[in-house]
Amino acid sequence: MSDKSSNSIAETKIIILYLTDIVPGVSYHMLMDGCMKSLYVEFFDFAQAYEELIAGNLMTRHSSEPGKTDTLGTTDVLDLTDGGRAVLKDLRGTLNNKLIGSLDTIAAELSKELESNRDICVEKNTSAGGTDVVLKITIRAKDNEEADAIIRNWRDKHIQLTNELKDQLLPNS
C-alpha cells in the first residue's frame, strides 16, 4: 500500500469520526453521502476506513429491532465510542479550517436530514390477528393557525389521501 493511500485512509477516518461526532445517530448511507459531498473522500477509502473504525472499536454500528421504527428504510445507527472521541480529540487539530468549514456545513445538512427523517416512521406490529404496518408522520406547523389548517385538511381529505397512499405502497396495486 502506498503512503498516499495510507494517508487518504487516515484522513478519511478523521473525517468520518468528525461527522459522526457532530451528528450522532447518523446512518451509514447518510454518512457515506456526506463524505462523498465533501469531495475530500473517495468511495473505496470511505468503505475501508469505515470498516476499520468499526473493527477498531472507535465507532459502533447498531440496529433497531427489525421492523420497528425503520426510518426511511434504514435501521443502522452510528455513534462514536469513548475511544473514538479520544482519538478525534487528539487528531482534530490536523484538520485545516477550510475542511472544517466544509464538514460543518455537511454536518448541518445531515443533522437537518436526520431530524426530518425522524418525522416519518414505519412500524410493523404482528399479532394473532395478522400484521399491521403503522405509518407515523409528524408535521411541524409554524403556528396554531397552520396546525388547525393541517387538521382541517386531513379531516376533509383523509379518505382520498389514505387510498392514494395505499395504492402507492401496496405491491401490485
Protein backbone atom coordinates (compact mmCIF):
# COMPACT_ATOMS: atom_id res chain seq x y z
CA MET A 1 0.00 0.00 0.00
CA SER A 2 1.44 3.39 -0.93
CA ASP A 3 1.91 6.24 1.53
CA LYS A 4 -0.67 8.32 -0.39
CA SER A 5 -3.26 5.58 0.09
CA SER A 6 -2.38 5.22 3.79
CA ASN A 7 -2.66 8.98 4.25
CA SER A 8 -6.03 9.18 2.49
CA ILE A 9 -7.41 6.33 4.63
CA ALA A 10 -6.16 8.07 7.78
CA GLU A 11 -7.66 11.41 6.68
CA THR A 12 -10.92 9.66 5.77
CA LYS A 13 -11.07 8.11 9.24
CA ILE A 14 -10.71 11.55 10.83
CA ILE A 15 -13.46 12.94 8.58
CA ILE A 16 -15.78 10.03 9.44
CA LEU A 17 -15.09 10.44 13.16
CA TYR A 18 -15.65 14.21 12.91
CA LEU A 19 -19.02 13.89 11.15
CA THR A 20 -20.22 11.05 13.38
CA ASP A 21 -19.29 13.09 16.46
CA ILE A 22 -21.28 16.11 15.30
CA VAL A 23 -24.22 14.04 14.01
CA PRO A 24 -24.65 11.14 16.46
CA GLY A 25 -27.13 8.57 15.22
CA VAL A 26 -26.33 9.20 11.56
CA SER A 27 -26.96 6.22 9.28
CA TYR A 28 -24.28 4.57 7.18
CA HIS A 29 -25.82 5.83 3.92
CA MET A 30 -26.21 9.38 5.18
CA LEU A 31 -22.60 9.37 6.42
CA MET A 32 -21.33 7.97 3.12
CA ASP A 33 -23.27 10.60 1.15
CA GLY A 34 -21.93 13.34 3.40
CA CYS A 35 -18.36 12.14 2.99
CA MET A 36 -18.75 11.96 -0.79
CA LYS A 37 -20.19 15.50 -0.80
CA SER A 38 -17.09 16.75 0.95
CA LEU A 39 -15.02 15.92 -2.16
CA TYR A 40 -12.18 15.02 0.23
CA VAL A 41 -13.15 11.33 0.37
CA GLU A 42 -13.20 8.64 -2.31
CA PHE A 43 -15.68 5.77 -2.03
CA PHE A 44 -13.18 2.93 -1.58
CA ASP A 45 -11.27 4.92 1.04
CA PHE A 46 -14.56 5.54 2.83
CA ALA A 47 -15.52 1.85 2.79
CA GLN A 48 -12.13 0.74 4.11
CA ALA A 49 -11.87 3.49 6.74
CA TYR A 50 -15.43 2.86 7.94
CA GLU A 51 -14.86 -0.87 8.42
CA GLU A 52 -11.55 -0.25 10.20
CA LEU A 53 -13.18 2.24 12.58
CA ILE A 54 -15.89 -0.30 13.43
CA ALA A 55 -13.37 -3.14 13.80
CA GLY A 56 -11.10 -0.91 15.89
CA ASN A 57 -13.97 -0.13 18.29
CA LEU A 58 -13.81 3.60 17.58
CA MET A 59 -17.40 3.63 16.28
CA THR A 60 -20.43 1.49 16.98
CA ARG A 61 -22.95 0.31 14.44
CA HIS A 62 -26.23 -0.90 15.82
CA SER A 63 -29.70 -1.51 14.51
CA SER A 64 -33.09 -1.01 15.99
CA GLU A 65 -35.32 -4.05 16.23
CA PRO A 66 -36.17 -5.15 12.66
CA GLY A 67 -39.48 -3.69 11.55
CA LYS A 68 -39.61 -1.30 14.48
CA THR A 69 -39.14 2.39 13.84
CA ASP A 70 -37.50 1.90 10.45
CA THR A 71 -36.70 5.43 9.44
CA LEU A 72 -36.85 5.74 5.68
CA GLY A 73 -35.51 2.29 5.02
CA THR A 74 -32.52 2.20 7.32
CA THR A 75 -32.17 0.96 10.85
CA ASP A 76 -28.36 1.27 11.14
CA VAL A 77 -27.30 3.91 13.61
CA LEU A 78 -23.69 5.04 14.09
CA ASP A 79 -22.10 6.56 17.17
CA LEU A 80 -18.58 7.15 18.42
CA THR A 81 -17.21 5.12 21.28
CA ASP A 82 -15.26 6.80 24.08
CA GLY A 83 -12.11 5.64 22.28
CA GLY A 84 -13.31 7.23 19.05
CA ARG A 85 -13.96 10.53 20.85
CA ALA A 86 -10.48 10.42 22.40
CA VAL A 87 -8.81 9.76 19.05
CA LEU A 88 -10.81 12.55 17.41
CA LYS A 89 -9.88 14.96 20.19
CA ASP A 90 -6.19 14.19 19.62
CA LEU A 91 -6.43 14.47 15.81
CA ARG A 92 -8.95 17.28 15.36
CA GLY A 93 -6.09 19.78 15.13
CA THR A 94 -4.82 18.10 11.95
CA LEU A 95 -7.90 19.31 10.05
CA ASN A 96 -7.45 22.65 8.26
CA ASN A 97 -10.01 25.44 8.59
CA LYS A 98 -11.30 25.03 5.02
CA LEU A 99 -12.02 21.33 5.60
CA ILE A 100 -13.62 22.02 8.99
CA GLY A 101 -15.89 24.64 7.39
CA SER A 102 -16.90 22.19 4.67
CA LEU A 103 -17.52 19.40 7.20
CA ASP A 104 -19.54 21.70 9.47
CA THR A 105 -21.77 22.60 6.51
CA ILE A 106 -22.22 18.93 5.65
CA ALA A 107 -22.89 18.08 9.32
CA ALA A 108 -25.61 20.75 9.45
CA GLU A 109 -27.24 19.24 6.35
CA LEU A 110 -27.00 15.72 7.81
CA SER A 111 -28.49 16.91 11.11
CA LYS A 112 -31.38 18.55 9.30
CA GLU A 113 -31.98 15.41 7.20
CA LEU A 114 -31.76 13.18 10.28
CA GLU A 115 -34.28 15.35 12.12
CA SER A 116 -36.57 15.34 9.09
CA ASN A 117 -36.29 11.54 8.80
CA ARG A 118 -37.40 11.17 12.41
CA ASP A 119 -40.69 12.76 11.39
CA ILE A 120 -41.55 9.74 9.23
CA CYS A 121 -41.55 6.36 10.92
CA VAL A 122 -42.78 2.91 9.94
CA GLU A 123 -43.54 0.14 12.42
CA LYS A 124 -44.57 -3.45 11.86
CA ASN A 125 -46.79 -4.97 14.55
CA THR A 126 -47.51 -8.69 14.39
CA SER A 127 -50.30 -10.21 16.43
CA ALA A 128 -52.58 -13.25 16.30
CA GLY A 129 -54.91 -11.24 14.09
CA GLY A 130 -52.26 -10.53 11.44
CA THR A 131 -49.57 -7.99 10.69
CA ASP A 132 -50.19 -4.26 10.76
CA VAL A 133 -47.92 -1.66 9.20
CA VAL A 134 -48.21 1.62 11.07
CA LEU A 135 -47.05 4.85 9.45
CA LYS A 136 -46.38 7.77 11.73
CA ILE A 137 -45.90 11.18 10.20
CA THR A 138 -45.12 14.28 12.19
CA ILE A 139 -45.69 17.64 10.53
CA ARG A 140 -44.39 20.66 12.37
CA ALA A 141 -46.63 23.65 11.89
CA LYS A 142 -45.20 27.15 12.16
CA ASP A 143 -48.08 28.23 14.41
CA ASN A 144 -51.51 27.23 15.71
CA GLU A 145 -53.31 28.57 12.63
CA GLU A 146 -51.26 26.37 10.33
CA ALA A 147 -51.74 23.40 12.66
CA ASP A 148 -55.51 23.91 12.59
CA ALA A 149 -55.45 24.17 8.77
CA ILE A 150 -53.49 20.91 8.52
CA ILE A 151 -56.01 19.17 10.77
CA ARG A 152 -58.95 20.53 8.76
CA ASN A 153 -57.31 19.41 5.50
CA TRP A 154 -56.71 15.94 6.92
CA ARG A 155 -60.33 15.65 8.04
CA ASP A 156 -61.53 16.77 4.59
CA LYS A 157 -59.11 14.62 2.58
CA HIS A 158 -58.15 11.66 4.78
CA ILE A 159 -60.03 9.03 2.75
CA GLN A 160 -58.57 10.22 -0.55
CA LEU A 161 -55.06 10.56 0.93
CA THR A 162 -55.21 7.16 2.63
CA ASN A 163 -56.38 5.46 -0.57
CA GLU A 164 -53.62 7.16 -2.61
CA LEU A 165 -51.03 6.14 -0.03
CA LYS A 166 -52.21 2.53 -0.04
CA ASP A 167 -52.14 2.50 -3.85
CA GLN A 168 -48.52 3.68 -3.79
CA LEU A 169 -47.34 1.36 -1.03
CA LEU A 170 -49.12 -1.93 -1.67
CA PRO A 171 -47.31 -4.24 -4.09
CA ASN A 172 -49.10 -4.98 -7.37
CA SER A 173 -51.62 -2.23 -6.86
